[in-house]
C-alpha atoms as a PDB file:
ATOM      1  CA  MET A   1     -31.328  27.245 -65.365  1.00  0.00           C
ATOM      2  CA  GLN A   2     -27.791  28.250 -64.396  1.00  0.00           C
ATOM      3  CA  GLU A   3     -24.856  26.163 -63.253  1.00  0.00           C
ATOM      4  CA  SER A   4     -23.535  26.233 -59.707  1.00  0.00           C
ATOM      5  CA  LEU A   5     -21.982  29.481 -58.482  1.00  0.00           C
ATOM      6  CA  PRO A   6     -18.234  29.964 -59.127  1.00  0.00           C
ATOM      7  CA  SER A   7     -16.252  29.355 -55.954  1.00  0.00           C
ATOM      8  CA  VAL A   8     -12.680  29.046 -54.745  1.00  0.00           C
ATOM      9  CA  GLY A   9     -13.867  26.310 -52.411  1.00  0.00           C
ATOM     10  CA  SER A  10     -12.048  23.028 -53.007  1.00  0.00           C
ATOM     11  CA  PRO A  11     -11.976  19.789 -50.987  1.00  0.00           C
ATOM     12  CA  LEU A  12      -8.720  21.003 -49.425  1.00  0.00           C
ATOM     13  CA  PHE A  13     -10.183  24.383 -48.483  1.00  0.00           C
ATOM     14  CA  TYR A  14     -13.352  22.898 -47.023  1.00  0.00           C
ATOM     15  CA  GLY A  15     -11.278  20.290 -45.182  1.00  0.00           C
ATOM     16  CA  VAL A  16      -9.035  22.900 -43.555  1.00  0.00           C
ATOM     17  CA  PHE A  17     -12.072  24.978 -42.621  1.00  0.00           C
ATOM     18  CA  PHE A  18     -14.002  22.143 -40.978  1.00  0.00           C
ATOM     19  CA  VAL A  19     -10.911  20.860 -39.149  1.00  0.00           C
ATOM     20  CA  ALA A  20     -10.224  24.359 -37.788  1.00  0.00           C
ATOM     21  CA  VAL A  21     -13.818  24.699 -36.603  1.00  0.00           C
ATOM     22  CA  LEU A  22     -13.897  21.262 -34.963  1.00  0.00           C
ATOM     23  CA  VAL A  23     -10.554  21.778 -33.219  1.00  0.00           C
ATOM     24  CA  MET A  24     -11.614  25.147 -31.810  1.00  0.00           C
ATOM     25  CA  LEU A  25     -14.960  23.792 -30.646  1.00  0.00           C
ATOM     26  CA  ALA A  26     -13.222  20.841 -28.974  1.00  0.00           C
ATOM     27  CA  ILE A  27     -10.869  23.205 -27.144  1.00  0.00           C
ATOM     28  CA  ASP A  28     -13.840  25.325 -26.066  1.00  0.00           C
ATOM     29  CA  ILE A  29     -15.733  22.288 -24.760  1.00  0.00           C
ATOM     30  CA  VAL A  30     -12.702  21.037 -22.813  1.00  0.00           C
ATOM     31  CA  ALA A  31     -12.242  24.485 -21.273  1.00  0.00           C
ATOM     32  CA  LEU A  32     -15.939  24.619 -20.352  1.00  0.00           C
ATOM     33  CA  ASN A  33     -15.956  21.156 -18.724  1.00  0.00           C
ATOM     34  CA  LYS A  34     -12.714  21.862 -16.893  1.00  0.00           C
ATOM     35  CA  LYS A  35     -14.013  24.990 -15.190  1.00  0.00           C
ATOM     36  CA  GLY A  36     -17.631  23.884 -14.802  1.00  0.00           C
ATOM     37  CA  SER A  37     -20.391  26.338 -13.961  1.00  0.00           C
ATOM     38  CA  HIS A  38     -18.911  29.712 -13.109  1.00  0.00           C
ATOM     39  CA  LYS A  39     -19.316  33.401 -13.698  1.00  0.00           C
ATOM     40  CA  VAL A  40     -17.158  34.233 -16.686  1.00  0.00           C
ATOM     41  CA  SER A  41     -14.524  36.810 -15.797  1.00  0.00           C
ATOM     42  CA  ALA A  42     -13.681  39.834 -17.927  1.00  0.00           C
ATOM     43  CA  LYS A  43     -10.162  38.459 -18.436  1.00  0.00           C
ATOM     44  CA  GLU A  44     -11.500  35.113 -19.675  1.00  0.00           C
ATOM     45  CA  VAL A  45     -14.013  36.757 -22.013  1.00  0.00           C
ATOM     46  CA  LEU A  46     -11.462  39.147 -23.489  1.00  0.00           C
ATOM     47  CA  GLY A  47      -9.000  36.296 -23.963  1.00  0.00           C
ATOM     48  CA  TRP A  48     -11.484  34.093 -25.802  1.00  0.00           C
ATOM     49  CA  SER A  49     -12.691  37.018 -27.925  1.00  0.00           C
ATOM     50  CA  LEU A  50      -9.130  37.712 -29.058  1.00  0.00           C
ATOM     51  CA  VAL A  51      -8.569  34.004 -29.740  1.00  0.00           C
ATOM     52  CA  TRP A  52     -11.644  33.737 -31.988  1.00  0.00           C
ATOM     53  CA  ILE A  53     -10.709  36.891 -33.885  1.00  0.00           C
ATOM     54  CA  ALA A  54      -7.104  35.702 -34.267  1.00  0.00           C
ATOM     55  CA  VAL A  55      -8.212  32.297 -35.590  1.00  0.00           C
ATOM     56  CA  SER A  56     -10.563  33.958 -38.086  1.00  0.00           C
ATOM     57  CA  MET A  57      -7.901  36.358 -39.334  1.00  0.00           C
ATOM     58  CA  ALA A  58      -5.354  33.515 -39.516  1.00  0.00           C
ATOM     59  CA  PHE A  59      -7.779  31.611 -41.743  1.00  0.00           C
ATOM     60  CA  ALA A  60      -8.199  34.694 -43.953  1.00  0.00           C
ATOM     61  CA  GLY A  61      -4.423  35.003 -44.171  1.00  0.00           C
ATOM     62  CA  TRP A  62      -4.045  31.328 -45.065  1.00  0.00           C
ATOM     63  CA  LEU A  63      -6.759  31.719 -47.713  1.00  0.00           C
ATOM     64  CA  TYR A  64      -4.964  34.703 -49.252  1.00  0.00           C
ATOM     65  CA  TRP A  65      -1.547  33.002 -49.185  1.00  0.00           C
ATOM     66  CA  THR A  66      -2.881  29.793 -50.758  1.00  0.00           C
ATOM     67  CA  LEU A  67      -4.824  31.554 -53.531  1.00  0.00           C
ATOM     68  CA  ALA A  68      -2.009  33.993 -54.273  1.00  0.00           C
ATOM     69  CA  GLY A  69       0.396  31.101 -54.804  1.00  0.00           C
ATOM     70  CA  ASN A  70      -2.008  29.225 -57.056  1.00  0.00           C
ATOM     71  CA  PRO A  71      -1.451  30.011 -60.784  1.00  0.00           C
ATOM     72  CA  ALA A  72      -5.176  29.536 -61.411  1.00  0.00           C
ATOM     73  CA  TYR A  73      -5.999  32.515 -59.176  1.00  0.00           C
ATOM     74  CA  GLY A  74      -3.053  34.766 -58.356  1.00  0.00           C
ATOM     75  CA  PRO A  75      -2.671  37.769 -55.986  1.00  0.00           C
ATOM     76  CA  ALA A  76      -5.560  39.791 -57.450  1.00  0.00           C
ATOM     77  CA  VAL A  77      -8.159  37.073 -56.845  1.00  0.00           C
ATOM     78  CA  ALA A  78      -6.577  36.280 -53.473  1.00  0.00           C
ATOM     79  CA  GLU A  79      -6.955  39.916 -52.385  1.00  0.00           C
ATOM     80  CA  ASP A  80     -10.580  40.041 -53.544  1.00  0.00           C
ATOM     81  CA  LYS A  81     -11.521  36.841 -51.715  1.00  0.00           C
ATOM     82  CA  ALA A  82      -9.728  37.849 -48.515  1.00  0.00           C
ATOM     83  CA  LEU A  83     -11.514  41.219 -48.582  1.00  0.00           C
ATOM     84  CA  GLU A  84     -14.864  39.513 -49.214  1.00  0.00           C
ATOM     85  CA  PHE A  85     -14.232  37.186 -46.269  1.00  0.00           C
ATOM     86  CA  PHE A  86     -13.312  40.074 -43.979  1.00  0.00           C
ATOM     87  CA  THR A  87     -16.319  42.158 -45.052  1.00  0.00           C
ATOM     88  CA  GLY A  88     -18.719  39.238 -44.572  1.00  0.00           C
ATOM     89  CA  TYR A  89     -17.129  38.546 -41.187  1.00  0.00           C
ATOM     90  CA  VAL A  90     -17.567  42.159 -40.044  1.00  0.00           C
ATOM     91  CA  ILE A  91     -21.180  42.314 -41.244  1.00  0.00           C
ATOM     92  CA  GLU A  92     -22.058  39.074 -39.467  1.00  0.00           C
ATOM     93  CA  LYS A  93     -20.292  40.241 -36.290  1.00  0.00           C
ATOM     94  CA  ALA A  94     -22.233  43.496 -36.424  1.00  0.00           C
ATOM     95  CA  LEU A  95     -25.577  41.775 -36.941  1.00  0.00           C
ATOM     96  CA  ALA A  96     -24.745  39.380 -34.101  1.00  0.00           C
ATOM     97  CA  VAL A  97     -24.964  42.336 -31.716  1.00  0.00           C
ATOM     98  CA  ASP A  98     -28.732  42.237 -32.190  1.00  0.00           C
ATOM     99  CA  ASN A  99     -28.641  38.580 -31.110  1.00  0.00           C
ATOM    100  CA  ILE A 100     -26.964  39.674 -27.902  1.00  0.00           C
ATOM    101  CA  PHE A 101     -29.789  42.055 -26.998  1.00  0.00           C
ATOM    102  CA  VAL A 102     -32.269  39.204 -27.524  1.00  0.00           C
ATOM    103  CA  PHE A 103     -30.141  36.767 -25.478  1.00  0.00           C
ATOM    104  CA  LEU A 104     -30.092  39.277 -22.620  1.00  0.00           C
ATOM    105  CA  MET A 105     -33.864  39.542 -22.761  1.00  0.00           C
ATOM    106  CA  ILE A 106     -34.309  35.734 -22.800  1.00  0.00           C
ATOM    107  CA  PHE A 107     -31.976  35.182 -19.844  1.00  0.00           C
ATOM    108  CA  ALA A 108     -33.647  37.985 -17.896  1.00  0.00           C
ATOM    109  CA  PHE A 109     -37.132  36.596 -18.613  1.00  0.00           C
ATOM    110  CA  PHE A 110     -36.196  33.123 -17.316  1.00  0.00           C
ATOM    111  CA  LYS A 111     -34.012  34.545 -14.505  1.00  0.00           C
ATOM    112  CA  VAL A 112     -30.959  32.495 -15.533  1.00  0.00           C
ATOM    113  CA  PRO A 113     -27.916  33.217 -13.323  1.00  0.00           C
ATOM    114  CA  VAL A 114     -24.773  34.309 -15.174  1.00  0.00           C
ATOM    115  CA  GLU A 115     -22.877  31.167 -14.146  1.00  0.00           C
ATOM    116  CA  TYR A 116     -25.416  28.965 -15.967  1.00  0.00           C
ATOM    117  CA  GLN A 117     -25.470  30.909 -19.222  1.00  0.00           C
ATOM    118  CA  ARG A 118     -22.267  29.667 -20.827  1.00  0.00           C
ATOM    119  CA  ARG A 119     -23.333  26.052 -21.410  1.00  0.00           C
ATOM    120  CA  VAL A 120     -26.655  26.899 -23.035  1.00  0.00           C
ATOM    121  CA  LEU A 121     -24.886  29.408 -25.294  1.00  0.00           C
ATOM    122  CA  LEU A 122     -22.418  26.687 -26.330  1.00  0.00           C
ATOM    123  CA  TYR A 123     -25.292  24.460 -27.447  1.00  0.00           C
ATOM    124  CA  GLY A 124     -26.815  27.486 -29.126  1.00  0.00           C
ATOM    125  CA  VAL A 125     -23.621  27.967 -31.147  1.00  0.00           C
ATOM    126  CA  PHE A 126     -23.690  24.296 -32.208  1.00  0.00           C
ATOM    127  CA  GLY A 127     -27.228  24.690 -33.473  1.00  0.00           C
ATOM    128  CA  ALA A 128     -26.376  27.974 -35.183  1.00  0.00           C
ATOM    129  CA  ILE A 129     -23.458  26.391 -37.063  1.00  0.00           C
ATOM    130  CA  VAL A 130     -25.630  23.598 -38.430  1.00  0.00           C
ATOM    131  CA  LEU A 131     -28.434  26.010 -39.275  1.00  0.00           C
ATOM    132  CA  ARG A 132     -26.169  28.507 -41.040  1.00  0.00           C
ATOM    133  CA  ALA A 133     -24.492  25.761 -43.084  1.00  0.00           C
ATOM    134  CA  LEU A 134     -27.900  24.511 -44.257  1.00  0.00           C
ATOM    135  CA  MET A 135     -29.143  28.026 -45.044  1.00  0.00           C
ATOM    136  CA  VAL A 136     -25.980  28.932 -46.971  1.00  0.00           C
ATOM    137  CA  GLY A 137     -26.398  25.757 -49.019  1.00  0.00           C
ATOM    138  CA  VAL A 138     -30.033  26.550 -49.764  1.00  0.00           C
ATOM    139  CA  GLY A 139     -29.188  30.176 -50.538  1.00  0.00           C
ATOM    140  CA  ALA A 140     -26.412  29.163 -52.934  1.00  0.00           C
ATOM    141  CA  ILE A 141     -28.762  26.817 -54.787  1.00  0.00           C
ATOM    142  CA  LEU A 142     -31.433  29.506 -55.073  1.00  0.00           C
ATOM    143  CA  VAL A 143     -28.977  32.144 -56.299  1.00  0.00           C
ATOM    144  CA  SER A 144     -27.403  29.768 -58.833  1.00  0.00           C
ATOM    145  CA  GLN A 145     -30.759  28.678 -60.249  1.00  0.00           C
ATOM    146  CA  PHE A 146     -32.698  31.932 -59.929  1.00  0.00           C
ATOM    147  CA  ALA A 147     -30.447  34.998 -60.202  1.00  0.00           C
ATOM    148  CA  TRP A 148     -33.411  37.281 -59.554  1.00  0.00           C
ATOM    149  CA  ILE A 149     -33.592  35.978 -55.968  1.00  0.00           C
ATOM    150  CA  LEU A 150     -30.833  38.474 -55.112  1.00  0.00           C
ATOM    151  CA  TYR A 151     -33.324  41.277 -55.749  1.00  0.00           C
ATOM    152  CA  VAL A 152     -35.763  39.559 -53.383  1.00  0.00           C
ATOM    153  CA  PHE A 153     -32.975  39.389 -50.781  1.00  0.00           C
ATOM    154  CA  GLY A 154     -32.273  43.086 -51.339  1.00  0.00           C
ATOM    155  CA  ALA A 155     -35.906  44.129 -50.957  1.00  0.00           C
ATOM    156  CA  PHE A 156     -36.208  42.012 -47.803  1.00  0.00           C
ATOM    157  CA  LEU A 157     -33.123  43.632 -46.260  1.00  0.00           C
ATOM    158  CA  VAL A 158     -34.432  47.129 -47.029  1.00  0.00           C
ATOM    159  CA  PHE A 159     -37.773  46.191 -45.438  1.00  0.00           C
ATOM    160  CA  THR A 160     -36.020  44.727 -42.390  1.00  0.00           C
ATOM    161  CA  GLY A 161     -33.775  47.767 -42.010  1.00  0.00           C
ATOM    162  CA  ILE A 162     -36.711  50.179 -42.121  1.00  0.00           C
ATOM    163  CA  LYS A 163     -38.687  48.006 -39.701  1.00  0.00           C
ATOM    164  CA  MET A 164     -35.774  48.062 -37.218  1.00  0.00           C
ATOM    165  CA  MET A 165     -36.009  51.845 -37.132  1.00  0.00           C
ATOM    166  CA  MET A 166     -39.612  51.712 -35.921  1.00  0.00           C
ATOM    167  CA  PRO A 167     -40.476  52.134 -32.199  1.00  0.00           C
ATOM    168  CA  GLU A 168     -39.827  49.018 -30.111  1.00  0.00           C
ATOM    169  CA  LYS A 169     -42.523  46.835 -28.625  1.00  0.00           C
ATOM    170  CA  ASP A 170     -42.466  45.357 -25.128  1.00  0.00           C
ATOM    171  CA  GLU A 171     -40.435  42.254 -25.975  1.00  0.00           C
ATOM    172  CA  GLN A 172     -40.765  40.815 -22.470  1.00  0.00           C
ATOM    173  CA  ALA A 173     -44.557  40.736 -22.844  1.00  0.00           C
ATOM    174  CA  ASP A 174     -44.248  39.273 -26.351  1.00  0.00           C
ATOM    175  CA  LEU A 175     -42.031  36.489 -25.021  1.00  0.00           C
ATOM    176  CA  ALA A 176     -44.579  35.529 -22.374  1.00  0.00           C
ATOM    177  CA  ASP A 177     -47.127  34.913 -25.138  1.00  0.00           C
ATOM    178  CA  ASN A 178     -44.705  33.258 -27.555  1.00  0.00           C
ATOM    179  CA  PRO A 179     -46.519  30.421 -29.398  1.00  0.00           C
ATOM    180  CA  ILE A 180     -43.409  28.206 -29.402  1.00  0.00           C
ATOM    181  CA  LEU A 181     -43.167  28.431 -25.625  1.00  0.00           C
ATOM    182  CA  ARG A 182     -46.882  27.729 -25.279  1.00  0.00           C
ATOM    183  CA  PHE A 183     -46.534  24.691 -27.552  1.00  0.00           C
ATOM    184  CA  VAL A 184     -43.581  23.265 -25.605  1.00  0.00           C
ATOM    185  CA  ARG A 185     -45.276  23.819 -22.252  1.00  0.00           C
ATOM    186  CA  GLY A 186     -48.451  22.232 -23.606  1.00  0.00           C
ATOM    187  CA  HIS A 187     -46.715  19.079 -24.897  1.00  0.00           C
ATOM    188  CA  MET A 188     -43.942  18.542 -22.327  1.00  0.00           C
ATOM    189  CA  ARG A 189     -43.682  18.385 -18.570  1.00  0.00           C
ATOM    190  CA  VAL A 190     -41.686  21.433 -17.493  1.00  0.00           C
ATOM    191  CA  THR A 191     -40.407  22.170 -13.999  1.00  0.00           C
ATOM    192  CA  ASP A 192     -41.077  25.546 -12.414  1.00  0.00           C
ATOM    193  CA  GLU A 193     -37.516  26.005 -11.237  1.00  0.00           C
ATOM    194  CA  LEU A 194     -34.041  25.739 -12.733  1.00  0.00           C
ATOM    195  CA  HIS A 195     -31.880  22.710 -11.969  1.00  0.00           C
ATOM    196  CA  GLY A 196     -28.461  24.174 -12.558  1.00  0.00           C
ATOM    197  CA  GLU A 197     -27.402  23.806 -16.181  1.00  0.00           C
ATOM    198  CA  LYS A 198     -29.544  20.722 -16.763  1.00  0.00           C
ATOM    199  CA  PHE A 199     -32.023  20.669 -19.642  1.00  0.00           C
ATOM    200  CA  PHE A 200     -33.898  17.613 -18.308  1.00  0.00           C
ATOM    201  CA  VAL A 201     -34.390  16.027 -14.879  1.00  0.00           C
ATOM    202  CA  VAL A 202     -36.177  12.929 -13.613  1.00  0.00           C
ATOM    203  CA  LYS A 203     -38.732  13.391 -10.821  1.00  0.00           C
ATOM    204  CA  ASN A 204     -40.789  10.508  -9.423  1.00  0.00           C
ATOM    205  CA  GLY A 205     -39.750   8.357 -12.367  1.00  0.00           C
ATOM    206  CA  LEU A 206     -40.901  10.934 -14.944  1.00  0.00           C
ATOM    207  CA  ARG A 207     -38.677  13.015 -17.200  1.00  0.00           C
ATOM    208  CA  TYR A 208     -39.208  16.776 -17.023  1.00  0.00           C
ATOM    209  CA  ALA A 209     -37.779  19.548 -19.138  1.00  0.00           C
ATOM    210  CA  THR A 210     -36.379  22.464 -17.177  1.00  0.00           C
ATOM    211  CA  PRO A 211     -36.723  26.186 -17.928  1.00  0.00           C
ATOM    212  CA  MET A 212     -33.139  25.953 -19.241  1.00  0.00           C
ATOM    213  CA  PHE A 213     -34.453  23.787 -22.093  1.00  0.00           C
ATOM    214  CA  LEU A 214     -36.968  26.529 -22.902  1.00  0.00           C
ATOM    215  CA  VAL A 215     -34.087  29.017 -22.926  1.00  0.00           C
ATOM    216  CA  LEU A 216     -32.242  26.831 -25.437  1.00  0.00           C
ATOM    217  CA  VAL A 217     -35.353  26.591 -27.635  1.00  0.00           C
ATOM    218  CA  MET A 218     -35.757  30.376 -27.641  1.00  0.00           C
ATOM    219  CA  ILE A 219     -32.067  30.982 -28.398  1.00  0.00           C
ATOM    220  CA  GLU A 220     -32.167  28.580 -31.353  1.00  0.00           C
ATOM    221  CA  LEU A 221     -35.399  30.201 -32.553  1.00  0.00           C
ATOM    222  CA  SER A 222     -33.835  33.664 -32.342  1.00  0.00           C
ATOM    223  CA  ASP A 223     -30.900  32.483 -34.446  1.00  0.00           C
ATOM    224  CA  VAL A 224     -33.292  31.233 -37.121  1.00  0.00           C
ATOM    225  CA  ILE A 225     -34.789  34.714 -37.265  1.00  0.00           C
ATOM    226  CA  PHE A 226     -31.429  36.503 -37.389  1.00  0.00           C
ATOM    227  CA  ALA A 227     -30.019  34.087 -39.972  1.00  0.00           C
ATOM    228  CA  VAL A 228     -32.787  35.187 -42.334  1.00  0.00           C
ATOM    229  CA  ASP A 229     -31.168  38.658 -42.262  1.00  0.00           C
ATOM    230  CA  SER A 230     -27.487  37.766 -42.109  1.00  0.00           C
ATOM    231  CA  ILE A 231     -27.303  35.152 -44.887  1.00  0.00           C
ATOM    232  CA  PRO A 232     -28.792  37.449 -47.595  1.00  0.00           C
ATOM    233  CA  ALA A 233     -26.583  40.289 -46.306  1.00  0.00           C
ATOM    234  CA  ILE A 234     -23.402  38.318 -46.976  1.00  0.00           C
ATOM    235  CA  PHE A 235     -24.670  37.245 -50.411  1.00  0.00           C
ATOM    236  CA  ALA A 236     -24.677  40.975 -51.145  1.00  0.00           C
ATOM    237  CA  VAL A 237     -20.908  40.957 -50.608  1.00  0.00           C
ATOM    238  CA  THR A 238     -20.102  37.774 -52.515  1.00  0.00           C
ATOM    239  CA  THR A 239     -21.949  34.896 -54.169  1.00  0.00           C
ATOM    240  CA  ASP A 240     -19.044  32.518 -53.535  1.00  0.00           C
ATOM    241  CA  PRO A 241     -20.632  29.866 -51.249  1.00  0.00           C
ATOM    242  CA  PHE A 242     -17.286  29.081 -49.621  1.00  0.00           C
ATOM    243  CA  ILE A 243     -16.690  32.699 -48.587  1.00  0.00           C
ATOM    244  CA  VAL A 244     -20.304  33.100 -47.439  1.00  0.00           C
ATOM    245  CA  LEU A 245     -20.101  29.955 -45.305  1.00  0.00           C
ATOM    246  CA  THR A 246     -16.677  30.513 -43.761  1.00  0.00           C
ATOM    247  CA  SER A 247     -17.139  34.210 -42.924  1.00  0.00           C
ATOM    248  CA  ASN A 248     -20.525  33.448 -41.367  1.00  0.00           C
ATOM    249  CA  ILE A 249     -19.403  30.468 -39.295  1.00  0.00           C
ATOM    250  CA  PHE A 250     -16.203  32.088 -38.029  1.00  0.00           C
ATOM    251  CA  ALA A 251     -18.249  35.080 -36.871  1.00  0.00           C
ATOM    252  CA  ILE A 252     -20.752  32.787 -35.129  1.00  0.00           C
ATOM    253  CA  LEU A 253     -17.979  30.872 -33.329  1.00  0.00           C
ATOM    254  CA  GLY A 254     -17.093  33.964 -31.326  1.00  0.00           C
ATOM    255  CA  LEU A 255     -20.697  34.845 -30.516  1.00  0.00           C
ATOM    256  CA  ARG A 256     -20.668  33.457 -26.971  1.00  0.00           C
ATOM    257  CA  ALA A 257     -17.481  35.301 -26.006  1.00  0.00           C
ATOM    258  CA  MET A 258     -18.883  38.424 -27.651  1.00  0.00           C
ATOM    259  CA  TYR A 259     -22.078  38.057 -25.591  1.00  0.00           C
ATOM    260  CA  PHE A 260     -20.232  38.020 -22.266  1.00  0.00           C
ATOM    261  CA  LEU A 261     -17.969  40.832 -23.441  1.00  0.00           C
ATOM    262  CA  LEU A 262     -20.892  43.139 -24.254  1.00  0.00           C
ATOM    263  CA  ALA A 263     -23.574  41.898 -21.843  1.00  0.00           C
ATOM    264  CA  ASP A 264     -22.815  44.454 -19.149  1.00  0.00           C
ATOM    265  CA  VAL A 265     -22.477  47.412 -21.519  1.00  0.00           C
ATOM    266  CA  ALA A 266     -25.073  46.548 -24.186  1.00  0.00           C
ATOM    267  CA  GLU A 267     -27.545  49.101 -22.822  1.00  0.00           C
ATOM    268  CA  ARG A 268     -24.993  51.876 -23.312  1.00  0.00           C
ATOM    269  CA  PHE A 269     -24.960  51.248 -27.066  1.00  0.00           C
ATOM    270  CA  HIS A 270     -28.679  51.894 -27.443  1.00  0.00           C
ATOM    271  CA  LEU A 271     -28.268  53.607 -30.826  1.00  0.00           C
ATOM    272  CA  LEU A 272     -26.360  50.658 -32.311  1.00  0.00           C
ATOM    273  CA  LYS A 273     -29.663  49.121 -33.319  1.00  0.00           C
ATOM    274  CA  TYR A 274     -30.257  52.031 -35.680  1.00  0.00           C
ATOM    275  CA  GLY A 275     -26.744  51.694 -37.045  1.00  0.00           C
ATOM    276  CA  LEU A 276     -27.497  48.045 -37.835  1.00  0.00           C
ATOM    277  CA  ALA A 277     -30.759  49.111 -39.473  1.00  0.00           C
ATOM    278  CA  ILE A 278     -28.853  51.545 -41.709  1.00  0.00           C
ATOM    279  CA  VAL A 279     -26.325  48.823 -42.582  1.00  0.00           C
ATOM    280  CA  LEU A 280     -29.084  46.399 -43.590  1.00  0.00           C
ATOM    281  CA  THR A 281     -30.829  49.082 -45.639  1.00  0.00           C
ATOM    282  CA  PHE A 282     -27.571  50.027 -47.376  1.00  0.00           C
ATOM    283  CA  ILE A 283     -26.794  46.393 -48.215  1.00  0.00           C
ATOM    284  CA  GLY A 284     -30.334  45.869 -49.489  1.00  0.00           C
ATOM    285  CA  VAL A 285     -30.133  48.943 -51.731  1.00  0.00           C
ATOM    286  CA  LYS A 286     -26.748  47.752 -52.990  1.00  0.00           C
ATOM    287  CA  MET A 287     -28.346  44.470 -54.084  1.00  0.00           C
ATOM    288  CA  LEU A 288     -31.266  46.240 -55.749  1.00  0.00           C
ATOM    289  CA  ILE A 289     -29.057  48.544 -57.844  1.00  0.00           C
ATOM    290  CA  MET A 290     -26.224  46.094 -58.555  1.00  0.00           C
ATOM    291  CA  LYS A 291     -27.253  45.750 -62.219  1.00  0.00           C
ATOM    292  CA  PHE A 292     -26.827  49.489 -62.754  1.00  0.00           C
ATOM    293  CA  VAL A 293     -24.244  50.567 -60.157  1.00  0.00           C
ATOM    294  CA  HIS A 294     -21.386  48.422 -58.873  1.00  0.00           C
ATOM    295  CA  ILE A 295     -20.305  49.295 -55.343  1.00  0.00           C
ATOM    296  CA  PRO A 296     -16.856  47.801 -54.636  1.00  0.00           C
ATOM    297  CA  VAL A 297     -16.458  45.581 -51.590  1.00  0.00           C
ATOM    298  CA  ALA A 298     -13.913  48.012 -50.092  1.00  0.00           C
ATOM    299  CA  ILE A 299     -16.458  50.842 -50.189  1.00  0.00           C
ATOM    300  CA  SER A 300     -19.144  48.606 -48.656  1.00  0.00           C
ATOM    301  CA  LEU A 301     -16.764  47.699 -45.837  1.00  0.00           C
ATOM    302  CA  SER A 302     -15.931  51.373 -45.262  1.00  0.00           C
ATOM    303  CA  VAL A 303     -19.631  52.293 -45.061  1.00  0.00           C
ATOM    304  CA  VAL A 304     -20.344  49.467 -42.613  1.00  0.00           C
ATOM    305  CA  PHE A 305     -17.439  50.500 -40.373  1.00  0.00           C
ATOM    306  CA  ALA A 306     -18.366  54.179 -40.519  1.00  0.00           C
ATOM    307  CA  VAL A 307     -22.024  53.582 -39.643  1.00  0.00           C
ATOM    308  CA  LEU A 308     -21.290  51.166 -36.794  1.00  0.00           C
ATOM    309  CA  ILE A 309     -18.547  53.293 -35.251  1.00  0.00           C
ATOM    310  CA  GLY A 310     -20.716  56.376 -35.671  1.00  0.00           C
ATOM    311  CA  SER A 311     -23.668  54.733 -33.876  1.00  0.00           C
ATOM    312  CA  VAL A 312     -21.415  53.615 -31.005  1.00  0.00           C
ATOM    313  CA  ILE A 313     -19.947  57.118 -30.596  1.00  0.00           C
ATOM    314  CA  ALA A 314     -23.420  58.654 -30.796  1.00  0.00           C
ATOM    315  CA  SER A 315     -24.623  56.247 -28.076  1.00  0.00           C
ATOM    316  CA  MET A 316     -21.845  57.422 -25.755  1.00  0.00           C
ATOM    317  CA  LEU A 317     -22.357  61.110 -26.525  1.00  0.00           C
ATOM    318  CA  LEU A 318     -26.132  60.870 -26.215  1.00  0.00           C
ATOM    319  CA  PRO A 319     -27.022  58.546 -23.303  1.00  0.00           C
ATOM    320  CA  LYS A 320     -30.327  56.706 -23.382  1.00  0.00           C
ATOM    321  CA  LYS A 321     -32.161  59.023 -20.992  1.00  0.00           C
ATOM    322  CA  ALA A 322     -31.029  62.078 -22.924  1.00  0.00           C
ATOM    323  CA  ALA A 323     -32.056  60.441 -26.182  1.00  0.00           C
ATOM    324  CA  ALA A 324     -35.507  59.693 -24.831  1.00  0.00           C
ATOM    325  CA  GLN A 325     -36.006  63.307 -23.729  1.00  0.00           C
ATOM    326  CA  ALA A 326     -34.718  64.757 -27.024  1.00  0.00           C
END
């Protein structure tokens, strides 16, 4: 059995991280309550997206500055850790795009107006943060005790990447028959119509769940599924639990703003899914060959950027209808 994984994480580092997350969430909640239910404007979405990115990069800068000034680490380690953080952040952001396609499908299935989507996504982010923290902890324990689990992660990512390249099923039909939804409807009273942003209402003295609660359940379930991909992917970049956790959570914090930013144009990037599949396959192969070939983090980041940008450009040059006829 091996000892715990080496990490730059210290009580101070974890403290700064959690304080930053809590402060930003508090600001987000205050802003949400102040404006109430409303259709999020492009200006608001762009502003929040830039804020989340700026906060994440500021944290990376603080991490570099603190490590570089610490005699136990120095500039070389500081540069490596900052690059690992940035690479993990980019990978998680990229994989989050797939979440957005699923969110769009869920909202469309339940016919949720745009002005009611922000609150349920906020709760979804809360759940995702808790879930990711637990999964990173479990992943770190598994990797520290069973080094071979990285090869299992790699094989799983290759399998997932190849599966993503296969023809799509009718997800709307699949959602109608989802066993989780059937279970909830079979064990709870659920109204037929939405009641604004409310998850529960009282009718004739009885408490009912609303379709918005079902939306929240499906969003949390989708994040469980996507976390199974994203957590192993970041362990391919670094096995430092602190870097894995912080890069993942900071990327998740901006997920809601990213959703509203891309919701109206997501269909235009129809080939991005295949870019994500290539990224997952590449990361999986990297994990499988790491004992024989070391691929530097900088090269991994370059490949991820190149594939994602290439898939976006290809989507614009080859619109969906043209792609289907080709």
